[in-house]
Protein backbone atom coordinates (compact mmCIF):
# COMPACT_ATOMS: atom_id res chain seq x y z
CA MET A 1 6.77 11.07 22.12
CA GLU A 2 4.34 8.28 21.29
CA HIS A 3 5.88 4.86 20.68
CA PHE A 4 4.51 1.79 18.90
CA ASP A 5 5.79 -1.68 18.19
CA VAL A 6 5.00 -1.23 14.50
CA ILE A 7 4.22 1.83 12.39
CA ILE A 8 2.64 1.33 8.97
CA ILE A 9 3.07 4.09 6.41
CA GLY A 10 0.06 4.47 4.13
CA ALA A 11 -3.64 3.65 4.52
CA GLY A 12 -4.23 2.34 1.03
CA LEU A 13 -4.90 -1.21 -0.11
CA SER A 14 -1.53 -2.45 1.19
CA GLY A 15 -1.52 -0.56 4.49
CA ILE A 16 -5.04 -1.60 5.49
CA GLY A 17 -4.22 -5.19 4.57
CA ALA A 18 -1.06 -5.05 6.69
CA ALA A 19 -2.98 -3.73 9.69
CA ARG A 20 -5.59 -6.47 9.36
CA GLN A 21 -2.85 -9.09 9.47
CA LEU A 22 -1.08 -7.48 12.44
CA GLN A 23 -4.30 -7.52 14.42
CA GLU A 24 -4.87 -11.18 13.66
CA LYS A 25 -1.35 -12.64 13.79
CA SER A 26 0.45 -10.31 16.24
CA PRO A 27 -2.42 -9.37 18.55
CA GLY A 28 -0.28 -8.18 21.45
CA LYS A 29 1.64 -5.61 19.42
CA SER A 30 0.74 -1.93 19.29
CA PHE A 31 0.63 -0.22 15.91
CA ALA A 32 -0.36 2.97 14.15
CA ILE A 33 -0.96 3.84 10.52
CA LEU A 34 0.39 7.17 9.28
CA GLU A 35 -1.50 8.49 6.27
CA GLY A 36 -0.37 11.65 4.50
CA ARG A 37 -3.82 12.42 3.12
CA LYS A 38 -7.12 13.03 4.91
CA THR A 39 -8.81 9.79 3.86
CA ILE A 40 -7.99 6.13 3.38
CA GLY A 41 -7.84 4.30 0.07
CA GLY A 42 -4.56 5.53 -1.41
CA THR A 43 -4.65 5.22 -5.20
CA TRP A 44 -8.35 4.41 -5.16
CA ASP A 45 -9.20 7.63 -3.38
CA LEU A 46 -6.71 9.88 -5.15
CA PHE A 47 -7.58 8.96 -8.74
CA ARG A 48 -11.03 10.23 -9.70
CA TYR A 49 -10.91 10.37 -13.50
CA PRO A 50 -13.89 9.04 -15.51
CA GLY A 51 -14.17 5.28 -15.65
CA ILE A 52 -11.30 4.54 -13.23
CA ARG A 53 -11.09 0.81 -12.64
CA SER A 54 -8.76 -2.02 -11.79
CA ASP A 55 -6.71 -3.72 -14.49
CA SER A 56 -6.46 -6.84 -12.29
CA ASP A 57 -9.30 -9.12 -11.26
CA MET A 58 -10.54 -8.46 -7.76
CA TYR A 59 -10.41 -12.12 -6.75
CA THR A 60 -6.62 -11.83 -6.75
CA MET A 61 -6.42 -8.13 -5.90
CA GLY A 62 -8.70 -8.51 -2.90
CA TYR A 63 -7.51 -9.56 0.55
CA ASP A 64 -6.97 -13.22 1.26
CA THR A 65 -9.30 -13.07 4.29
CA LYS A 66 -11.99 -10.81 2.83
CA PRO A 67 -13.87 -12.33 -0.12
CA TRP A 68 -14.75 -10.08 -3.04
CA LEU A 69 -18.53 -10.43 -3.40
CA ASP A 70 -19.37 -8.01 -6.20
CA PRO A 71 -20.39 -9.78 -9.43
CA LYS A 72 -17.88 -7.68 -11.37
CA ALA A 73 -14.38 -9.13 -11.29
CA ILE A 74 -12.97 -6.07 -13.11
CA ALA A 75 -14.17 -3.45 -10.68
CA ASP A 76 -14.54 0.32 -10.89
CA GLY A 77 -12.62 2.61 -8.57
CA PRO A 78 -15.53 3.56 -6.25
CA SER A 79 -16.28 -0.15 -5.66
CA ILE A 80 -12.66 -0.84 -4.75
CA LEU A 81 -12.56 2.19 -2.45
CA SER A 82 -15.72 0.95 -0.75
CA TYR A 83 -14.08 -2.47 -0.29
CA VAL A 84 -11.00 -0.91 1.36
CA ASN A 85 -13.17 1.23 3.65
CA GLU A 86 -15.23 -1.79 4.63
CA ALA A 87 -12.07 -3.82 5.32
CA ALA A 88 -10.85 -1.06 7.65
CA SER A 89 -14.18 -0.50 9.40
CA GLU A 90 -14.91 -4.13 10.19
CA HIS A 91 -11.58 -4.33 12.07
CA ASN A 92 -11.95 -0.89 13.71
CA LEU A 93 -8.77 0.26 12.01
CA LEU A 94 -9.83 3.88 11.71
CA GLU A 95 -8.92 4.44 15.35
CA HIS A 96 -5.33 3.43 14.54
CA ILE A 97 -4.93 5.84 11.60
CA ARG A 98 -3.24 9.23 12.00
CA PHE A 99 -4.51 11.22 9.03
CA ASP A 100 -2.64 14.20 7.60
CA HIS A 101 0.69 12.74 8.79
CA GLN A 102 3.16 12.82 5.89
CA MET A 103 6.42 11.08 6.76
CA THR A 104 9.34 13.37 5.89
CA SER A 105 12.20 11.55 7.59
CA ALA A 106 12.98 8.43 9.62
CA ARG A 107 16.02 8.01 11.86
CA TRP A 108 17.25 4.71 13.27
CA SER A 109 19.08 4.65 16.60
CA SER A 110 21.24 1.58 17.25
CA SER A 111 21.58 2.44 20.93
CA GLU A 112 17.79 2.48 21.37
CA CYS A 113 16.82 0.03 18.60
CA LYS A 114 14.03 2.21 17.32
CA TRP A 115 12.97 4.40 14.42
CA THR A 116 11.94 8.00 15.04
CA ILE A 117 9.63 9.25 12.31
CA GLU A 118 9.11 12.92 11.64
CA THR A 119 5.81 13.81 10.00
CA GLN A 120 4.47 16.99 8.48
CA ARG A 121 0.89 17.97 9.20
CA GLY A 122 -0.77 19.00 5.96
CA ALA A 123 0.37 22.25 4.33
CA SER A 124 1.56 23.71 7.62
CA ASP A 125 5.09 23.66 8.97
CA ALA A 126 3.93 21.77 12.05
CA SER A 127 5.73 18.47 12.59
CA ILE A 128 5.25 15.58 14.97
CA GLU A 129 7.66 12.83 15.96
CA ILE A 130 6.52 9.26 16.58
CA SER A 131 8.77 6.26 17.26
CA CYS A 132 8.53 2.53 16.65
CA ASN A 133 10.57 -0.65 16.71
CA VAL A 134 9.58 -1.86 13.24
CA LEU A 135 8.76 0.46 10.35
CA PHE A 136 6.62 -0.99 7.56
CA VAL A 137 6.25 1.25 4.48
CA CYS A 138 3.11 0.54 2.44
CA SER A 139 2.98 3.77 0.45
CA GLY A 140 3.54 2.16 -2.95
CA TYR A 141 6.05 3.57 -5.40
CA TYR A 142 4.16 6.40 -7.09
CA ASN A 143 4.57 10.11 -6.55
CA TYR A 144 1.19 11.18 -5.16
CA GLN A 145 1.94 14.87 -5.60
CA HIS A 146 2.05 14.85 -9.40
CA GLY A 147 2.29 12.60 -12.42
CA TYR A 148 4.64 12.68 -15.37
CA THR A 149 4.06 15.14 -18.20
CA PRO A 150 6.67 15.64 -20.96
CA ALA A 151 7.67 19.18 -21.90
CA PHE A 152 5.40 19.59 -24.92
CA GLU A 153 6.33 22.58 -27.05
CA GLY A 154 3.55 25.16 -27.16
CA ILE A 155 1.43 23.69 -24.40
CA ASN A 156 1.01 27.15 -22.85
CA ASP A 157 -0.44 28.38 -26.15
CA PHE A 158 -3.36 25.97 -26.03
CA SER A 159 -6.63 27.87 -25.54
CA GLY A 160 -8.55 24.90 -24.17
CA THR A 161 -8.17 22.83 -21.00
CA VAL A 162 -5.19 20.60 -20.19
CA VAL A 163 -5.75 17.88 -17.58
CA HIS A 164 -3.57 15.18 -16.05
CA PRO A 165 -5.63 12.18 -14.86
CA GLN A 166 -3.89 12.11 -11.48
CA HIS A 167 -5.56 15.41 -10.56
CA TRP A 168 -8.86 15.32 -12.40
CA PRO A 169 -11.10 18.38 -11.83
CA GLN A 170 -14.48 17.05 -10.72
CA ASP A 171 -16.31 19.90 -12.41
CA LEU A 172 -14.78 19.29 -15.85
CA ASP A 173 -17.58 19.21 -18.45
CA PHE A 174 -16.50 17.33 -21.58
CA SER A 175 -19.96 16.77 -23.07
CA GLY A 176 -19.98 17.73 -26.74
CA LYS A 177 -16.24 18.53 -26.65
CA ARG A 178 -13.38 17.34 -28.83
CA VAL A 179 -10.99 15.45 -26.55
CA VAL A 180 -7.47 14.27 -27.33
CA ILE A 181 -5.98 11.84 -24.82
CA ILE A 182 -2.20 11.56 -25.05
CA GLY A 183 -1.04 8.11 -24.02
CA SER A 184 -1.58 4.42 -24.62
CA GLY A 185 -1.49 2.92 -21.14
CA ALA A 186 -4.23 1.62 -18.88
CA THR A 187 -5.37 5.13 -17.90
CA ALA A 188 -5.81 6.27 -21.51
CA MET A 189 -7.69 3.12 -22.44
CA THR A 190 -9.98 3.59 -19.46
CA LEU A 191 -10.67 7.22 -20.28
CA VAL A 192 -11.48 6.71 -23.97
CA PRO A 193 -14.72 4.69 -23.60
CA ALA A 194 -15.75 6.57 -20.45
CA MET A 195 -15.50 9.98 -22.13
CA ALA A 196 -16.77 8.81 -25.52
CA ASN A 197 -20.27 8.40 -24.09
CA SER A 198 -20.79 12.17 -23.92
CA ALA A 199 -17.90 13.85 -25.75
CA ASP A 200 -18.28 14.86 -29.40
CA LYS A 201 -15.17 12.86 -30.35
CA VAL A 202 -12.36 11.23 -28.38
CA THR A 203 -8.96 10.64 -29.94
CA MET A 204 -6.34 8.48 -28.27
CA LEU A 205 -2.99 9.77 -29.48
CA GLN A 206 -0.15 7.35 -28.89
CA ARG A 207 3.53 7.46 -29.71
CA SER A 208 3.61 3.65 -29.89
CA PRO A 209 1.01 0.89 -29.42
CA THR A 210 0.31 -1.26 -26.38
CA TYR A 211 -1.00 -4.82 -26.15
CA VAL A 212 -4.69 -4.79 -25.31
CA VAL A 213 -6.85 -7.72 -24.25
CA SER A 214 -10.57 -7.74 -23.56
CA MET A 215 -12.10 -9.80 -20.76
CA PRO A 216 -15.65 -10.02 -19.41
CA ALA A 217 -16.19 -7.65 -16.51
CA GLU A 218 -17.98 -10.50 -14.75
CA ASP A 219 -16.33 -13.90 -14.29
CA PRO A 220 -19.08 -16.45 -15.06
CA ILE A 221 -17.20 -19.32 -13.37
CA ALA A 222 -16.71 -17.22 -10.24
CA ASN A 223 -20.32 -16.14 -10.08
CA GLY A 224 -21.41 -19.75 -10.60
CA LEU A 225 -19.21 -21.07 -7.81
CA ARG A 226 -20.45 -18.42 -5.40
CA LYS A 227 -24.00 -19.68 -5.91
CA ILE A 228 -23.25 -23.26 -4.89
CA LEU A 229 -20.32 -23.06 -2.46
CA PRO A 230 -19.76 -21.35 0.88
CA GLU A 231 -18.49 -17.80 0.48
CA LYS A 232 -14.91 -18.31 1.69
CA LEU A 233 -14.41 -21.61 -0.12
CA ALA A 234 -15.68 -20.17 -3.40
CA TYR A 235 -13.35 -17.17 -3.02
CA ARG A 236 -10.32 -19.38 -2.40
CA LEU A 237 -11.07 -21.56 -5.41
CA ILE A 238 -11.61 -18.56 -7.68
CA ARG A 239 -8.43 -16.93 -6.38
CA TRP A 240 -6.46 -20.13 -7.00
CA LYS A 241 -7.92 -20.45 -10.52
CA ASN A 242 -7.06 -16.88 -11.46
CA VAL A 243 -3.54 -17.06 -10.01
CA GLN A 244 -2.86 -20.21 -12.03
CA PHE A 245 -4.18 -18.56 -15.20
CA GLN A 246 -2.02 -15.48 -14.62
CA ARG A 247 1.06 -17.70 -14.12
CA PHE A 248 0.31 -19.76 -17.22
CA PHE A 249 -0.30 -16.76 -19.44
CA TYR A 250 2.79 -14.89 -18.23
CA ARG A 251 4.92 -18.02 -18.68
CA GLN A 252 3.65 -18.54 -22.21
CA SER A 253 4.42 -14.89 -22.99
CA ARG A 254 8.03 -15.45 -21.92
CA VAL A 255 8.69 -18.79 -23.67
CA ARG A 256 6.44 -18.41 -26.74
CA PRO A 257 6.20 -14.66 -27.28
CA GLU A 258 5.43 -14.80 -31.01
CA LYS A 259 2.60 -17.26 -30.51
CA VAL A 260 1.06 -15.20 -27.71
CA LYS A 261 1.52 -12.01 -29.73
CA GLU A 262 -0.36 -13.43 -32.69
CA LYS A 263 -3.13 -14.69 -30.43
CA LEU A 264 -3.57 -11.27 -28.84
CA LEU A 265 -3.59 -9.47 -32.19
CA ASN A 266 -6.13 -11.88 -33.65
CA LEU A 267 -8.44 -11.16 -30.75
CA VAL A 268 -8.10 -7.42 -31.41
CA ARG A 269 -8.83 -7.91 -35.12
CA LYS A 270 -12.09 -9.68 -34.26
CA GLN A 271 -13.09 -6.76 -32.03
CA VAL A 272 -12.29 -3.79 -34.30
CA GLY A 273 -13.07 -5.28 -37.69
CA GLU A 274 -11.12 -5.87 -40.89
CA ASP A 275 -10.95 -2.23 -41.94
CA PHE A 276 -9.03 -1.12 -38.85
CA ASP A 277 -5.23 -0.95 -39.11
CA VAL A 278 -4.30 -3.26 -36.24
CA GLU A 279 -0.68 -3.47 -37.37
CA LYS A 280 -0.23 0.27 -36.96
CA HIS A 281 -2.32 0.99 -33.88
CA PHE A 282 -2.28 -2.17 -31.73
CA THR A 283 0.97 -3.97 -32.60
CA PRO A 284 3.84 -3.02 -30.25
CA THR A 285 7.49 -3.41 -31.20
CA TYR A 286 8.16 -5.40 -28.00
CA ASN A 287 6.97 -8.81 -26.83
CA PRO A 288 3.95 -9.35 -24.56
CA TRP A 289 4.74 -8.60 -20.91
CA ASP A 290 7.89 -6.65 -21.69
CA GLN A 291 5.42 -4.01 -20.58
CA ARG A 292 2.14 -4.54 -18.75
CA LEU A 293 -0.81 -5.57 -20.91
CA CYS A 294 -3.85 -3.33 -20.88
CA LEU A 295 -7.08 -5.01 -19.85
CA VAL A 296 -10.38 -3.62 -21.14
CA PRO A 297 -13.62 -5.06 -19.72
CA ASP A 298 -16.34 -6.18 -22.12
CA ALA A 299 -14.38 -4.76 -25.08
CA ASP A 300 -15.55 -1.23 -24.18
CA LEU A 301 -12.57 0.43 -25.90
CA PHE A 302 -13.15 -1.48 -29.13
CA LYS A 303 -16.88 -0.75 -29.06
CA ALA A 304 -16.17 2.98 -28.82
CA ILE A 305 -13.88 2.71 -31.84
CA ARG A 306 -16.37 0.68 -33.86
CA ASN A 307 -19.28 3.06 -33.26
CA GLY A 308 -17.19 6.05 -34.35
CA LYS A 309 -17.18 7.84 -30.99
CA ALA A 310 -13.46 7.23 -30.57
CA GLU A 311 -10.40 6.90 -32.77
CA VAL A 312 -6.74 5.99 -32.41
CA LYS A 313 -3.88 7.99 -33.89
CA THR A 314 -0.29 6.77 -33.79
CA GLY A 315 2.44 9.35 -34.29
CA HIS A 316 4.83 11.82 -32.69
CA ILE A 317 3.83 15.25 -31.45
CA ASP A 318 5.47 18.21 -33.13
CA LYS A 319 3.89 20.87 -30.93
CA ILE A 320 0.74 22.00 -29.18
CA THR A 321 -1.12 24.74 -31.02
CA ASN A 322 -3.83 27.19 -30.02
CA ASP A 323 -6.60 24.78 -30.94
CA GLY A 324 -5.06 21.33 -30.86
CA ILE A 325 -2.02 19.17 -31.53
CA LYS A 326 0.18 19.17 -34.59
CA LEU A 327 1.88 15.88 -35.36
CA LYS A 328 5.28 15.54 -37.03
CA SER A 329 3.44 14.01 -39.99
CA GLY A 330 1.76 17.39 -40.48
CA GLU A 331 -1.68 16.20 -39.36
CA VAL A 332 -3.49 18.46 -36.89
CA LEU A 333 -5.82 17.08 -34.23
CA GLU A 334 -8.29 19.73 -33.14
CA ALA A 335 -9.18 19.70 -29.46
CA ASP A 336 -11.12 21.53 -26.78
CA ILE A 337 -9.57 19.36 -24.03
CA ILE A 338 -6.16 17.69 -23.92
CA VAL A 339 -5.67 14.90 -21.38
CA THR A 340 -2.02 14.09 -20.67
CA ALA A 341 -2.31 10.41 -19.71
CA THR A 342 1.46 10.26 -20.04
CA GLY A 343 2.26 8.20 -16.99
CA LEU A 344 3.35 8.43 -13.41
CA GLU A 345 6.52 9.21 -11.52
CA LEU A 346 8.19 6.74 -9.21
CA LYS A 347 9.08 7.69 -5.66
CA LEU A 348 10.77 5.31 -3.23
CA LEU A 349 9.34 5.14 0.31
CA GLY A 350 7.23 8.23 -0.22
CA GLY A 351 10.30 10.38 -0.85
CA ALA A 352 11.23 10.57 2.84
CA GLU A 353 14.84 10.82 4.02
CA PHE A 354 16.24 7.88 5.98
CA PHE A 355 19.18 7.83 8.37
CA VAL A 356 20.90 5.03 10.25
CA ASP A 357 22.75 6.48 13.24
CA SER A 358 22.82 9.93 11.59
CA GLU A 359 24.26 8.57 8.33
CA ALA A 360 21.97 9.06 5.32
CA VAL A 361 20.85 5.85 3.64
CA GLU A 362 21.64 5.71 -0.08
CA PHE A 363 19.08 3.15 -1.20
CA PRO A 364 20.47 2.65 -4.74
CA GLN A 365 23.68 1.44 -3.05
CA THR A 366 21.88 -1.30 -1.13
CA PHE A 367 20.73 -4.77 -2.10
CA SER A 368 17.06 -5.65 -1.85
CA TYR A 369 16.47 -8.59 0.49
CA LYS A 370 13.65 -10.67 -1.07
CA GLY A 371 12.28 -7.46 -2.59
CA MET A 372 11.14 -6.17 0.82
CA MET A 373 14.14 -5.08 2.98
CA PHE A 374 17.42 -3.24 2.42
CA SER A 375 20.89 -4.55 3.14
CA ASP A 376 22.40 -3.00 6.30
CA VAL A 377 19.18 -1.14 7.18
CA PRO A 378 17.55 -2.51 10.36
CA ASN A 379 13.86 -3.11 11.04
CA LEU A 380 12.65 -1.51 7.81
CA ILE A 381 10.29 -3.40 5.51
CA TYR A 382 8.56 -2.10 2.41
CA THR A 383 5.98 -3.55 0.06
CA ILE A 384 5.98 -3.36 -3.72
CA GLY A 385 3.53 -5.51 -5.64
CA TYR A 386 3.87 -7.50 -8.83
CA ILE A 387 4.14 -6.04 -12.30
CA ASN A 388 2.86 -9.29 -13.84
CA ALA A 389 0.02 -10.10 -11.42
CA SER A 390 -2.18 -8.40 -8.86
CA TRP A 391 -0.37 -6.03 -6.48
CA THR A 392 -2.10 -7.44 -3.42
CA LEU A 393 -0.83 -10.98 -3.90
CA ARG A 394 2.64 -9.79 -2.95
CA SER A 395 1.65 -7.15 -0.42
CA GLU A 396 -0.22 -9.85 1.53
CA LEU A 397 2.89 -12.08 1.54
CA VAL A 398 5.07 -9.23 2.80
CA ALA A 399 2.58 -8.31 5.54
CA GLU A 400 2.54 -11.96 6.59
CA PHE A 401 6.35 -11.87 6.78
CA VAL A 402 6.24 -8.74 8.97
CA CYS A 403 3.96 -10.51 11.44
CA ARG A 404 6.24 -13.55 11.52
CA LEU A 405 9.27 -11.31 12.00
CA VAL A 406 7.69 -9.30 14.83
CA ASN A 407 6.61 -12.49 16.57
CA HIS A 408 10.06 -14.09 16.11
CA MET A 409 11.82 -11.07 17.59
CA HIS A 410 9.45 -11.08 20.55
CA GLU A 411 9.89 -14.78 21.18
CA HIS A 412 13.69 -14.56 21.04
CA ASN A 413 13.90 -11.26 22.93
CA VAL A 414 15.81 -9.41 20.19
CA ALA A 415 15.14 -5.85 19.08
CA ARG A 416 16.99 -5.53 15.79
CA CYS A 417 16.90 -7.38 12.46
CA THR A 418 19.34 -6.40 9.71
CA PRO A 419 19.87 -8.05 6.32
CA ARG A 420 23.61 -8.61 5.75
CA VAL A 421 25.36 -9.51 2.52
CA SER A 422 27.75 -12.39 3.25
CA GLU A 423 31.37 -12.49 2.16
CA ALA A 424 30.44 -15.12 -0.42
CA ASP A 425 27.82 -12.85 -1.97
CA LYS A 426 29.75 -9.59 -2.01
CA ASP A 427 30.85 -10.11 -5.61
CA MET A 428 27.27 -10.37 -6.90
CA PRO A 429 26.55 -8.43 -10.10
CA LEU A 430 24.09 -5.57 -9.69
CA HIS A 431 20.76 -5.87 -11.46
CA ARG A 432 17.86 -3.44 -11.49
CA MET A 433 15.31 -4.27 -8.84
CA ILE A 434 12.70 -4.93 -11.55
CA GLU A 435 14.07 -6.35 -14.78
CA ASP A 436 12.62 -7.42 -18.15
CA PHE A 437 9.98 -4.71 -17.83
CA SER A 438 10.44 -1.52 -19.79
CA PRO A 439 7.56 0.98 -19.48
CA GLY A 440 8.55 4.62 -19.37
CA TYR A 441 7.93 5.16 -15.66
CA MET A 442 10.27 2.26 -14.83
CA GLU A 443 12.97 3.50 -17.19
CA ARG A 444 12.75 6.99 -15.66
CA GLY A 445 12.73 5.98 -12.00
CA MET A 446 14.30 2.59 -11.35
CA HIS A 447 17.68 4.17 -10.57
CA LEU A 448 16.16 5.37 -7.28
CA PHE A 449 15.62 1.83 -6.01
CA PRO A 450 17.90 -0.79 -4.46
CA LYS A 451 19.60 -3.38 -6.62
CA GLN A 452 18.96 -7.09 -6.75
CA GLY A 453 21.57 -9.81 -7.06
CA ASP A 454 21.67 -13.04 -9.03
CA ARG A 455 20.92 -15.40 -6.13
CA ASP A 456 18.56 -15.77 -3.21
CA PRO A 457 17.72 -14.05 -0.94
CA TRP A 458 18.85 -11.02 -2.96
CA ARG A 459 16.55 -11.62 -5.94
CA ASN A 460 13.23 -9.92 -6.64
CA THR A 461 11.70 -12.69 -8.72
CA GLN A 462 8.26 -11.26 -9.56
CA ASN A 463 7.08 -14.87 -9.22
CA TYR A 464 4.23 -15.53 -6.78
CA THR A 465 4.92 -19.25 -6.53
CA LEU A 466 8.59 -18.72 -5.70
CA ASP A 467 7.75 -15.91 -3.29
CA LYS A 468 5.45 -18.18 -1.33
CA GLN A 469 8.43 -20.46 -0.80
CA THR A 470 11.02 -17.78 0.00
CA ILE A 471 8.78 -15.39 1.96
CA ARG A 472 5.97 -17.45 3.47
CA ASN A 473 7.57 -20.85 4.01
CA ALA A 474 11.27 -20.09 4.53
CA PRO A 475 12.53 -19.73 8.11
CA ILE A 476 12.83 -16.20 9.48
CA ASP A 477 16.31 -16.87 10.88
CA ASP A 478 17.84 -17.79 7.52
CA GLY A 479 21.46 -16.87 8.12
CA THR A 480 21.13 -13.62 6.17
CA LEU A 481 19.06 -11.70 8.69
CA GLU A 482 21.24 -10.67 11.62
CA PHE A 483 19.39 -10.51 14.95
CA SER A 484 20.79 -8.49 17.85
CA ASN A 485 19.96 -5.98 20.55
CA ALA A 486 20.98 -2.40 21.27
CA VAL A 487 24.62 -1.42 20.79
CA GLU A 488 26.49 1.45 22.32
CA SER A 489 28.47 2.30 19.20
CA ALA A 490 26.98 3.21 15.86
CA GLU A 491 29.98 1.53 14.23
CA SER A 492 28.33 -1.83 14.84
CA GLU A 493 25.59 -0.91 12.40
CA LYS A 494 27.97 -0.18 9.57
CA SER A 495 29.01 -2.93 7.22
CA PRO A 496 31.49 -3.08 4.35
CA SER A 497 29.08 -5.29 2.45
CA THR A 498 27.01 -2.51 0.90
CA PRO A 499 27.55 -2.60 -2.89
CA LYS A 500 28.34 0.44 -4.96
CA PRO A 501 26.72 1.04 -8.36
CA GLU A 502 30.06 1.41 -10.10
CA VAL A 503 31.34 -2.06 -9.20
CA LYS A 504 30.87 -5.22 -11.26
CA THR A 505 27.59 -4.72 -13.11
CA ALA A 506 25.55 -7.19 -15.11
CA ALA A 507 25.37 -6.65 -18.83
């Protein structure tokens, strides 16, 4: 059986970034990347629907050590995929990647202080075991096998084509067709202007509105700085500027929600014109950042609405008919193609099974240590990005922590690191791992994740500034992480500190 110091799960944006940091900051450690698919890129390779793009600026979504040089700050999917491939190639990371290795289970042995990972090879029943000391899961939290589609009555009666954006058929011809896109999230708002260029008519059908803000695809300040400053310095300044703006805007949304709401809606009114019903179609019932805002570059969505190539309908679906969708209002939307941009499904750690000394790990019954480890589970780190800022800002911090942890364990000759809930913290109320954020995919799947407490280091703050203090600058040996070596008895790995969902729960 092959053995590595560190195994990274996933060769997407997070996994490639983690490998880059390991090479630089832990150069003596062996590592491998296990990727369940046949190519790198993760989300940016899987999703191929028309117009796919980032809804975060690439100066904050790019790697800290690899400047984003494209003039477009709001980048399309192929450009981001090219960036990830380039980041992997320039560090020769392809030779470390085991493609077609889908992790199905991971078993920790306290007597050997190692994880044994079982992987499935493609569609076959063939499996391979690989072991490591530290397991770093960078597979995100989406289900890559399929997205979420509600059980629409009559959908099998539809005579046209039904498509989910997560598995877009590359040969789908929508030119001259009537298209109805069900959904009001970032995917739907990307698809509308992209398909409106050649479709006969595109209708975005939403159950409820979402906040939408337009920004220039190119950042004029960024492009100006890159002309007069060295590449890396310009990138760092732009990154700092954009992080500060994200923090300011999010903070204002939390403390002055009505003011921010009115500002956002006024911007929409200017884009769509006085005759458009902004109150009905672009005014959510919740406050800004209770759900993620949708970013549209260069007002492309609003332009498609203004020129008549696209429209927005707000209402509830009664049923799917032979030739379209009937709403509960009685209105019928005729369609040749229905796109179910109805969201994604959450999946923790790629859906693999985890065992500590043959005992199955129940992750919802654990506390999340700094949003990146699990109480009583040794040598396992995972990365989940921000919901209110660019994903990579947090994934880079977590990868940095992994390097510090690996180096600390080497320097102190210890093989095991386990987060432990202290006696003083055992009465903590249980909170969802991500709070004050209510999109459908979170509501449907957050019960699968660990809980957070009401104090550090058991909080998941979703605050980049605080995370830099608690993840980057705090000492590794903080009194919560228990460092030890191999034990003969599996009993040593068990702890009575693990909380149960039915105990004292926050209101």
